[in-house]
Amino acid sequence: PLAYTHQLGPNPTTVDVTLSDGSEV
């Protein structure tokens, strides 16, 4: 009952960003 039930996944490497002018970065 006291054991961990979740583990960390891999670190994210990129963020896809959408800007208000319609461009993506």
mmCIF file of all heavy atoms, coordinates in Angstrom:
data_MODEL
# 
_entry.id   MODEL 
# 
loop_
_atom_site.group_PDB 
_atom_site.id 
_atom_site.type_symbol 
_atom_site.label_atom_id 
_atom_site.label_alt_id 
_atom_site.label_comp_id 
_atom_site.label_asym_id 
_atom_site.label_entity_id 
_atom_site.label_seq_id 
_atom_site.pdbx_PDB_ins_code 
_atom_site.Cartn_x 
_atom_site.Cartn_y 
_atom_site.Cartn_z 
_atom_site.occupancy 
_atom_site.B_iso_or_equiv 
_atom_site.pdbx_formal_charge 
_atom_site.auth_seq_id 
_atom_site.auth_comp_id 
_atom_site.auth_asym_id 
_atom_site.auth_atom_id 
_atom_site.pdbx_PDB_model_num 
ATOM 1   N N   . PRO A 1 1  ? 0.806  -1.230 0.000   1.00 0.00 ? 1  PRO A N   1 
ATOM 2   C CA  . PRO A 1 1  ? 0.000  0.000  0.000   1.00 0.00 ? 1  PRO A CA  1 
ATOM 3   C C   . PRO A 1 1  ? 0.839  1.281  0.000   1.00 0.00 ? 1  PRO A C   1 
ATOM 4   O O   . PRO A 1 1  ? 0.373  2.308  -0.479  1.00 0.00 ? 1  PRO A O   1 
ATOM 5   C CB  . PRO A 1 1  ? -0.841 -0.106 1.266   1.00 0.00 ? 1  PRO A CB  1 
ATOM 6   C CG  . PRO A 1 1  ? -0.198 -1.151 2.094   1.00 0.00 ? 1  PRO A CG  1 
ATOM 7   C CD  . PRO A 1 1  ? 0.586  -2.035 1.188   1.00 0.00 ? 1  PRO A CD  1 
ATOM 8   N N   . LEU A 1 2  ? 2.069  1.261  0.523   1.00 0.00 ? 2  LEU A N   1 
ATOM 9   C CA  . LEU A 1 2  ? 2.888  2.467  0.577   1.00 0.00 ? 2  LEU A CA  1 
ATOM 10  C C   . LEU A 1 2  ? 3.905  2.552  -0.563  1.00 0.00 ? 2  LEU A C   1 
ATOM 11  O O   . LEU A 1 2  ? 4.704  3.483  -0.612  1.00 0.00 ? 2  LEU A O   1 
ATOM 12  C CB  . LEU A 1 2  ? 3.612  2.556  1.925   1.00 0.00 ? 2  LEU A CB  1 
ATOM 13  C CG  . LEU A 1 2  ? 2.700  2.644  3.151   1.00 0.00 ? 2  LEU A CG  1 
ATOM 14  C CD1 . LEU A 1 2  ? 3.520  2.688  4.423   1.00 0.00 ? 2  LEU A CD1 1 
ATOM 15  C CD2 . LEU A 1 2  ? 1.795  3.862  3.058   1.00 0.00 ? 2  LEU A CD2 1 
ATOM 16  N N   . ALA A 1 3  ? 3.872  1.623  -1.472  1.00 0.00 ? 3  ALA A N   1 
ATOM 17  C CA  . ALA A 1 3  ? 4.820  1.624  -2.592  1.00 0.00 ? 3  ALA A CA  1 
ATOM 18  C C   . ALA A 1 3  ? 4.436  2.701  -3.601  1.00 0.00 ? 3  ALA A C   1 
ATOM 19  O O   . ALA A 1 3  ? 3.279  3.100  -3.719  1.00 0.00 ? 3  ALA A O   1 
ATOM 20  C CB  . ALA A 1 3  ? 4.828  0.252  -3.265  1.00 0.00 ? 3  ALA A CB  1 
ATOM 21  N N   . TYR A 1 4  ? 5.439  3.177  -4.327  1.00 0.00 ? 4  TYR A N   1 
ATOM 22  C CA  . TYR A 1 4  ? 5.179  4.151  -5.392  1.00 0.00 ? 4  TYR A CA  1 
ATOM 23  C C   . TYR A 1 4  ? 4.303  3.521  -6.464  1.00 0.00 ? 4  TYR A C   1 
ATOM 24  O O   . TYR A 1 4  ? 4.477  2.366  -6.822  1.00 0.00 ? 4  TYR A O   1 
ATOM 25  C CB  . TYR A 1 4  ? 6.489  4.616  -6.033  1.00 0.00 ? 4  TYR A CB  1 
ATOM 26  C CG  . TYR A 1 4  ? 7.342  5.452  -5.126  1.00 0.00 ? 4  TYR A CG  1 
ATOM 27  C CD1 . TYR A 1 4  ? 8.551  4.975  -4.653  1.00 0.00 ? 4  TYR A CD1 1 
ATOM 28  C CD2 . TYR A 1 4  ? 6.941  6.727  -4.754  1.00 0.00 ? 4  TYR A CD2 1 
ATOM 29  C CE1 . TYR A 1 4  ? 9.345  5.744  -3.814  1.00 0.00 ? 4  TYR A CE1 1 
ATOM 30  C CE2 . TYR A 1 4  ? 7.733  7.502  -3.916  1.00 0.00 ? 4  TYR A CE2 1 
ATOM 31  C CZ  . TYR A 1 4  ? 8.924  7.009  -3.453  1.00 0.00 ? 4  TYR A CZ  1 
ATOM 32  O OH  . TYR A 1 4  ? 9.703  7.774  -2.630  1.00 0.00 ? 4  TYR A OH  1 
ATOM 33  N N   . THR A 1 5  ? 3.345  4.287  -6.984  1.00 0.00 ? 5  THR A N   1 
ATOM 34  C CA  . THR A 1 5  ? 2.454  3.792  -8.026  1.00 0.00 ? 5  THR A CA  1 
ATOM 35  C C   . THR A 1 5  ? 2.747  4.433  -9.382  1.00 0.00 ? 5  THR A C   1 
ATOM 36  O O   . THR A 1 5  ? 2.181  4.020  -10.388 1.00 0.00 ? 5  THR A O   1 
ATOM 37  C CB  . THR A 1 5  ? 0.987  4.051  -7.660  1.00 0.00 ? 5  THR A CB  1 
ATOM 38  O OG1 . THR A 1 5  ? 0.809  5.466  -7.464  1.00 0.00 ? 5  THR A OG1 1 
ATOM 39  C CG2 . THR A 1 5  ? 0.600  3.291  -6.391  1.00 0.00 ? 5  THR A CG2 1 
ATOM 40  N N   . HIS A 1 6  ? 3.613  5.463  -9.399  1.00 0.00 ? 6  HIS A N   1 
ATOM 41  C CA  . HIS A 1 6  ? 3.982  6.154  -10.634 1.00 0.00 ? 6  HIS A CA  1 
ATOM 42  C C   . HIS A 1 6  ? 5.492  6.352  -10.677 1.00 0.00 ? 6  HIS A C   1 
ATOM 43  O O   . HIS A 1 6  ? 6.159  6.377  -9.641  1.00 0.00 ? 6  HIS A O   1 
ATOM 44  C CB  . HIS A 1 6  ? 3.294  7.518  -10.723 1.00 0.00 ? 6  HIS A CB  1 
ATOM 45  C CG  . HIS A 1 6  ? 1.827  7.422  -10.967 1.00 0.00 ? 6  HIS A CG  1 
ATOM 46  N ND1 . HIS A 1 6  ? 0.932  7.092  -9.969  1.00 0.00 ? 6  HIS A ND1 1 
ATOM 47  C CD2 . HIS A 1 6  ? 1.100  7.580  -12.091 1.00 0.00 ? 6  HIS A CD2 1 
ATOM 48  C CE1 . HIS A 1 6  ? -0.287 7.075  -10.476 1.00 0.00 ? 6  HIS A CE1 1 
ATOM 49  N NE2 . HIS A 1 6  ? -0.208 7.361  -11.762 1.00 0.00 ? 6  HIS A NE2 1 
ATOM 50  N N   . GLN A 1 7  ? 6.013  6.500  -11.888 1.00 0.00 ? 7  GLN A N   1 
ATOM 51  C CA  . GLN A 1 7  ? 7.426  6.806  -12.075 1.00 0.00 ? 7  GLN A CA  1 
ATOM 52  C C   . GLN A 1 7  ? 7.540  7.948  -13.085 1.00 0.00 ? 7  GLN A C   1 
ATOM 53  O O   . GLN A 1 7  ? 6.600  8.215  -13.837 1.00 0.00 ? 7  GLN A O   1 
ATOM 54  C CB  . GLN A 1 7  ? 8.173  5.584  -12.577 1.00 0.00 ? 7  GLN A CB  1 
ATOM 55  C CG  . GLN A 1 7  ? 7.681  5.067  -13.916 1.00 0.00 ? 7  GLN A CG  1 
ATOM 56  C CD  . GLN A 1 7  ? 8.310  3.745  -14.276 1.00 0.00 ? 7  GLN A CD  1 
ATOM 57  O OE1 . GLN A 1 7  ? 9.168  3.235  -13.583 1.00 0.00 ? 7  GLN A OE1 1 
ATOM 58  N NE2 . GLN A 1 7  ? 7.880  3.183  -15.390 1.00 0.00 ? 7  GLN A NE2 1 
ATOM 59  N N   . LEU A 1 8  ? 8.693  8.629  -13.091 1.00 0.00 ? 8  LEU A N   1 
ATOM 60  C CA  . LEU A 1 8  ? 8.903  9.712  -14.043 1.00 0.00 ? 8  LEU A CA  1 
ATOM 61  C C   . LEU A 1 8  ? 9.198  9.155  -15.428 1.00 0.00 ? 8  LEU A C   1 
ATOM 62  O O   . LEU A 1 8  ? 9.976  8.215  -15.582 1.00 0.00 ? 8  LEU A O   1 
ATOM 63  C CB  . LEU A 1 8  ? 10.073 10.598 -13.600 1.00 0.00 ? 8  LEU A CB  1 
ATOM 64  C CG  . LEU A 1 8  ? 9.835  11.484 -12.391 1.00 0.00 ? 8  LEU A CG  1 
ATOM 65  C CD1 . LEU A 1 8  ? 11.100 12.253 -12.060 1.00 0.00 ? 8  LEU A CD1 1 
ATOM 66  C CD2 . LEU A 1 8  ? 8.689  12.438 -12.635 1.00 0.00 ? 8  LEU A CD2 1 
ATOM 67  N N   . GLY A 1 9  ? 8.593  9.758  -16.429 1.00 0.00 ? 9  GLY A N   1 
ATOM 68  C CA  . GLY A 1 9  ? 8.875  9.405  -17.810 1.00 0.00 ? 9  GLY A CA  1 
ATOM 69  C C   . GLY A 1 9  ? 10.129 10.125 -18.283 1.00 0.00 ? 9  GLY A C   1 
ATOM 70  O O   . GLY A 1 9  ? 10.821 10.789 -17.498 1.00 0.00 ? 9  GLY A O   1 
ATOM 71  N N   . PRO A 1 10 ? 10.432 10.039 -19.570 1.00 0.00 ? 10 PRO A N   1 
ATOM 72  C CA  . PRO A 1 10 ? 11.620 10.705 -20.099 1.00 0.00 ? 10 PRO A CA  1 
ATOM 73  C C   . PRO A 1 10 ? 11.466 12.230 -20.073 1.00 0.00 ? 10 PRO A C   1 
ATOM 74  O O   . PRO A 1 10 ? 10.347 12.750 -20.119 1.00 0.00 ? 10 PRO A O   1 
ATOM 75  C CB  . PRO A 1 10 ? 11.719 10.188 -21.528 1.00 0.00 ? 10 PRO A CB  1 
ATOM 76  C CG  . PRO A 1 10 ? 10.354 9.729  -21.873 1.00 0.00 ? 10 PRO A CG  1 
ATOM 77  C CD  . PRO A 1 10 ? 9.717  9.300  -20.589 1.00 0.00 ? 10 PRO A CD  1 
ATOM 78  N N   . ASN A 1 11 ? 12.593 12.937 -20.013 1.00 0.00 ? 11 ASN A N   1 
ATOM 79  C CA  . ASN A 1 11 ? 12.559 14.396 -20.050 1.00 0.00 ? 11 ASN A CA  1 
ATOM 80  C C   . ASN A 1 11 ? 12.102 14.873 -21.426 1.00 0.00 ? 11 ASN A C   1 
ATOM 81  O O   . ASN A 1 11 ? 12.547 14.347 -22.440 1.00 0.00 ? 11 ASN A O   1 
ATOM 82  C CB  . ASN A 1 11 ? 13.950 14.975 -19.770 1.00 0.00 ? 11 ASN A CB  1 
ATOM 83  C CG  . ASN A 1 11 ? 14.326 14.871 -18.326 1.00 0.00 ? 11 ASN A CG  1 
ATOM 84  O OD1 . ASN A 1 11 ? 13.490 14.972 -17.450 1.00 0.00 ? 11 ASN A OD1 1 
ATOM 85  N ND2 . ASN A 1 11 ? 15.590 14.667 -18.055 1.00 0.00 ? 11 ASN A ND2 1 
ATOM 86  N N   . PRO A 1 12 ? 11.225 15.876 -21.456 1.00 0.00 ? 12 PRO A N   1 
ATOM 87  C CA  . PRO A 1 12 ? 10.856 16.450 -22.745 1.00 0.00 ? 12 PRO A CA  1 
ATOM 88  C C   . PRO A 1 12 ? 12.068 17.160 -23.355 1.00 0.00 ? 12 PRO A C   1 
ATOM 89  O O   . PRO A 1 12 ? 12.913 17.678 -22.633 1.00 0.00 ? 12 PRO A O   1 
ATOM 90  C CB  . PRO A 1 12 ? 9.736  17.435 -22.400 1.00 0.00 ? 12 PRO A CB  1 
ATOM 91  C CG  . PRO A 1 12 ? 9.824  17.656 -20.944 1.00 0.00 ? 12 PRO A CG  1 
ATOM 92  C CD  . PRO A 1 12 ? 10.534 16.493 -20.342 1.00 0.00 ? 12 PRO A CD  1 
ATOM 93  N N   . THR A 1 13 ? 12.169 17.164 -24.671 1.00 0.00 ? 13 THR A N   1 
ATOM 94  C CA  . THR A 1 13 ? 13.311 17.775 -25.343 1.00 0.00 ? 13 THR A CA  1 
ATOM 95  C C   . THR A 1 13 ? 12.936 18.994 -26.176 1.00 0.00 ? 13 THR A C   1 
ATOM 96  O O   . THR A 1 13 ? 13.782 19.816 -26.489 1.00 0.00 ? 13 THR A O   1 
ATOM 97  C CB  . THR A 1 13 ? 13.998 16.756 -26.275 1.00 0.00 ? 13 THR A CB  1 
ATOM 98  O OG1 . THR A 1 13 ? 13.048 16.294 -27.222 1.00 0.00 ? 13 THR A OG1 1 
ATOM 99  C CG2 . THR A 1 13 ? 14.547 15.585 -25.487 1.00 0.00 ? 13 THR A CG2 1 
ATOM 100 N N   . THR A 1 14 ? 11.656 19.118 -26.536 1.00 0.00 ? 14 THR A N   1 
ATOM 101 C CA  . THR A 1 14 ? 11.208 20.189 -27.421 1.00 0.00 ? 14 THR A CA  1 
ATOM 102 C C   . THR A 1 14 ? 9.828  20.672 -26.989 1.00 0.00 ? 14 THR A C   1 
ATOM 103 O O   . THR A 1 14 ? 9.026  19.890 -26.489 1.00 0.00 ? 14 THR A O   1 
ATOM 104 C CB  . THR A 1 14 ? 11.112 19.671 -28.876 1.00 0.00 ? 14 THR A CB  1 
ATOM 105 O OG1 . THR A 1 14 ? 12.336 19.055 -29.222 1.00 0.00 ? 14 THR A OG1 1 
ATOM 106 C CG2 . THR A 1 14 ? 10.829 20.783 -29.857 1.00 0.00 ? 14 THR A CG2 1 
ATOM 107 N N   . VAL A 1 15 ? 9.572  21.962 -27.198 1.00 0.00 ? 15 VAL A N   1 
ATOM 108 C CA  . VAL A 1 15 ? 8.226  22.510 -27.023 1.00 0.00 ? 15 VAL A CA  1 
ATOM 109 C C   . VAL A 1 15 ? 7.804  23.109 -28.359 1.00 0.00 ? 15 VAL A C   1 
ATOM 110 O O   . VAL A 1 15 ? 8.532  23.911 -28.946 1.00 0.00 ? 15 VAL A O   1 
ATOM 111 C CB  . VAL A 1 15 ? 8.183  23.588 -25.920 1.00 0.00 ? 15 VAL A CB  1 
ATOM 112 C CG1 . VAL A 1 15 ? 6.824  24.250 -25.868 1.00 0.00 ? 15 VAL A CG1 1 
ATOM 113 C CG2 . VAL A 1 15 ? 8.518  22.998 -24.566 1.00 0.00 ? 15 VAL A CG2 1 
ATOM 114 N N   . ASP A 1 16 ? 6.644  22.678 -28.856 1.00 0.00 ? 16 ASP A N   1 
ATOM 115 C CA  . ASP A 1 16 ? 6.068  23.250 -30.078 1.00 0.00 ? 16 ASP A CA  1 
ATOM 116 C C   . ASP A 1 16 ? 5.160  24.406 -29.658 1.00 0.00 ? 16 ASP A C   1 
ATOM 117 O O   . ASP A 1 16 ? 4.207  24.210 -28.900 1.00 0.00 ? 16 ASP A O   1 
ATOM 118 C CB  . ASP A 1 16 ? 5.272  22.197 -30.842 1.00 0.00 ? 16 ASP A CB  1 
ATOM 119 C CG  . ASP A 1 16 ? 6.160  21.065 -31.326 1.00 0.00 ? 16 ASP A CG  1 
ATOM 120 O OD1 . ASP A 1 16 ? 7.301  21.341 -31.740 1.00 0.00 ? 16 ASP A OD1 1 
ATOM 121 O OD2 . ASP A 1 16 ? 5.713  19.902 -31.279 1.00 0.00 ? 16 ASP A OD2 1 
ATOM 122 N N   . VAL A 1 17 ? 5.481  25.605 -30.147 1.00 0.00 ? 17 VAL A N   1 
ATOM 123 C CA  . VAL A 1 17 ? 4.786  26.823 -29.730 1.00 0.00 ? 17 VAL A CA  1 
ATOM 124 C C   . VAL A 1 17 ? 4.031  27.403 -30.916 1.00 0.00 ? 17 VAL A C   1 
ATOM 125 O O   . VAL A 1 17 ? 4.587  27.546 -32.006 1.00 0.00 ? 17 VAL A O   1 
ATOM 126 C CB  . VAL A 1 17 ? 5.802  27.858 -29.196 1.00 0.00 ? 17 VAL A CB  1 
ATOM 127 C CG1 . VAL A 1 17 ? 5.094  29.136 -28.763 1.00 0.00 ? 17 VAL A CG1 1 
ATOM 128 C CG2 . VAL A 1 17 ? 6.605  27.280 -28.046 1.00 0.00 ? 17 VAL A CG2 1 
ATOM 129 N N   . THR A 1 18 ? 2.755  27.736 -30.700 1.00 0.00 ? 18 THR A N   1 
ATOM 130 C CA  . THR A 1 18 ? 1.958  28.456 -31.698 1.00 0.00 ? 18 THR A CA  1 
ATOM 131 C C   . THR A 1 18 ? 1.813  29.893 -31.217 1.00 0.00 ? 18 THR A C   1 
ATOM 132 O O   . THR A 1 18 ? 1.421  30.134 -30.074 1.00 0.00 ? 18 THR A O   1 
ATOM 133 C CB  . THR A 1 18 ? 0.573  27.813 -31.867 1.00 0.00 ? 18 THR A CB  1 
ATOM 134 O OG1 . THR A 1 18 ? 0.743  26.439 -32.219 1.00 0.00 ? 18 THR A OG1 1 
ATOM 135 C CG2 . THR A 1 18 ? -0.235 28.525 -32.938 1.00 0.00 ? 18 THR A CG2 1 
ATOM 136 N N   . LEU A 1 19 ? 2.143  30.839 -32.097 1.00 0.00 ? 19 LEU A N   1 
ATOM 137 C CA  . LEU A 1 19 ? 2.104  32.256 -31.747 1.00 0.00 ? 19 LEU A CA  1 
ATOM 138 C C   . LEU A 1 19 ? 0.842  32.915 -32.297 1.00 0.00 ? 19 LEU A C   1 
ATOM 139 O O   . LEU A 1 19 ? 0.210  32.402 -33.225 1.00 0.00 ? 19 LEU A O   1 
ATOM 140 C CB  . LEU A 1 19 ? 3.354  32.958 -32.288 1.00 0.00 ? 19 LEU A CB  1 
ATOM 141 C CG  . LEU A 1 19 ? 4.679  32.376 -31.809 1.00 0.00 ? 19 LEU A CG  1 
ATOM 142 C CD1 . LEU A 1 19 ? 5.840  33.097 -32.479 1.00 0.00 ? 19 LEU A CD1 1 
ATOM 143 C CD2 . LEU A 1 19 ? 4.799  32.448 -30.300 1.00 0.00 ? 19 LEU A CD2 1 
ATOM 144 N N   . SER A 1 20 ? 0.483  34.071 -31.724 1.00 0.00 ? 20 SER A N   1 
ATOM 145 C CA  . SER A 1 20 ? -0.747 34.755 -32.109 1.00 0.00 ? 20 SER A CA  1 
ATOM 146 C C   . SER A 1 20 ? -0.717 35.280 -33.539 1.00 0.00 ? 20 SER A C   1 
ATOM 147 O O   . SER A 1 20 ? -1.767 35.558 -34.112 1.00 0.00 ? 20 SER A O   1 
ATOM 148 C CB  . SER A 1 20 ? -1.032 35.908 -31.133 1.00 0.00 ? 20 SER A CB  1 
ATOM 149 O OG  . SER A 1 20 ? 0.025  36.855 -31.161 1.00 0.00 ? 20 SER A OG  1 
ATOM 150 N N   . ASP A 1 21 ? 0.463  35.393 -34.168 1.00 0.00 ? 21 ASP A N   1 
ATOM 151 C CA  . ASP A 1 21 ? 0.536  35.819 -35.565 1.00 0.00 ? 21 ASP A CA  1 
ATOM 152 C C   . ASP A 1 21 ? 0.381  34.645 -36.532 1.00 0.00 ? 21 ASP A C   1 
ATOM 153 O O   . ASP A 1 21 ? 0.529  34.780 -37.732 1.00 0.00 ? 21 ASP A O   1 
ATOM 154 C CB  . ASP A 1 21 ? 1.830  36.572 -35.844 1.00 0.00 ? 21 ASP A CB  1 
ATOM 155 C CG  . ASP A 1 21 ? 3.079  35.717 -35.676 1.00 0.00 ? 21 ASP A CG  1 
ATOM 156 O OD1 . ASP A 1 21 ? 2.960  34.509 -35.341 1.00 0.00 ? 21 ASP A OD1 1 
ATOM 157 O OD2 . ASP A 1 21 ? 4.187  36.254 -35.865 1.00 0.00 ? 21 ASP A OD2 1 
ATOM 158 N N   . GLY A 1 22 ? 0.109  33.434 -35.997 1.00 0.00 ? 22 GLY A N   1 
ATOM 159 C CA  . GLY A 1 22 ? -0.111 32.248 -36.813 1.00 0.00 ? 22 GLY A CA  1 
ATOM 160 C C   . GLY A 1 22 ? 1.130  31.418 -37.067 1.00 0.00 ? 22 GLY A C   1 
ATOM 161 O O   . GLY A 1 22 ? 1.043  30.326 -37.605 1.00 0.00 ? 22 GLY A O   1 
ATOM 162 N N   . SER A 1 23 ? 2.299  31.896 -36.670 1.00 0.00 ? 23 SER A N   1 
ATOM 163 C CA  . SER A 1 23 ? 3.524  31.134 -36.896 1.00 0.00 ? 23 SER A CA  1 
ATOM 164 C C   . SER A 1 23 ? 3.710  30.084 -35.805 1.00 0.00 ? 23 SER A C   1 
ATOM 165 O O   . SER A 1 23 ? 3.104  30.159 -34.736 1.00 0.00 ? 23 SER A O   1 
ATOM 166 C CB  . SER A 1 23 ? 4.742  32.064 -36.953 1.00 0.00 ? 23 SER A CB  1 
ATOM 167 O OG  . SER A 1 23 ? 4.907  32.742 -35.727 1.00 0.00 ? 23 SER A OG  1 
ATOM 168 N N   . GLU A 1 24 ? 4.536  29.095 -36.118 1.00 0.00 ? 24 GLU A N   1 
ATOM 169 C CA  . GLU A 1 24 ? 4.858  28.039 -35.152 1.00 0.00 ? 24 GLU A CA  1 
ATOM 170 C C   . GLU A 1 24 ? 6.362  27.967 -34.988 1.00 0.00 ? 24 GLU A C   1 
ATOM 171 O O   . GLU A 1 24 ? 7.111  28.161 -35.947 1.00 0.00 ? 24 GLU A O   1 
ATOM 172 C CB  . GLU A 1 24 ? 4.313  26.699 -35.634 1.00 0.00 ? 24 GLU A CB  1 
ATOM 173 C CG  . GLU A 1 24 ? 2.800  26.665 -35.685 1.00 0.00 ? 24 GLU A CG  1 
ATOM 174 C CD  . GLU A 1 24 ? 2.257  25.318 -36.116 1.00 0.00 ? 24 GLU A CD  1 
ATOM 175 O OE1 . GLU A 1 24 ? 3.061  24.393 -36.366 1.00 0.00 ? 24 GLU A OE1 1 
ATOM 176 O OE2 . GLU A 1 24 ? 1.030  25.196 -36.210 1.00 0.00 ? 24 GLU A OE2 1 
ATOM 177 N N   . VAL A 1 25 ? 6.801  27.695 -33.761 1.00 0.00 ? 25 VAL A N   1 
ATOM 178 C CA  . VAL A 1 25 ? 8.217  27.627 -33.435 1.00 0.00 ? 25 VAL A CA  1 
ATOM 179 C C   . VAL A 1 25 ? 8.467  26.364 -32.615 1.00 0.00 ? 25 VAL A C   1 
ATOM 180 O O   . VAL A 1 25 ? 7.672  26.031 -31.735 1.00 0.00 ? 25 VAL A O   1 
ATOM 181 C CB  . VAL A 1 25 ? 8.650  28.871 -32.609 1.00 0.00 ? 25 VAL A CB  1 
ATOM 182 C CG1 . VAL A 1 25 ? 10.113 28.807 -32.259 1.00 0.00 ? 25 VAL A CG1 1 
ATOM 183 C CG2 . VAL A 1 25 ? 8.318  30.152 -33.327 1.00 0.00 ? 25 VAL A CG2 1 
# 
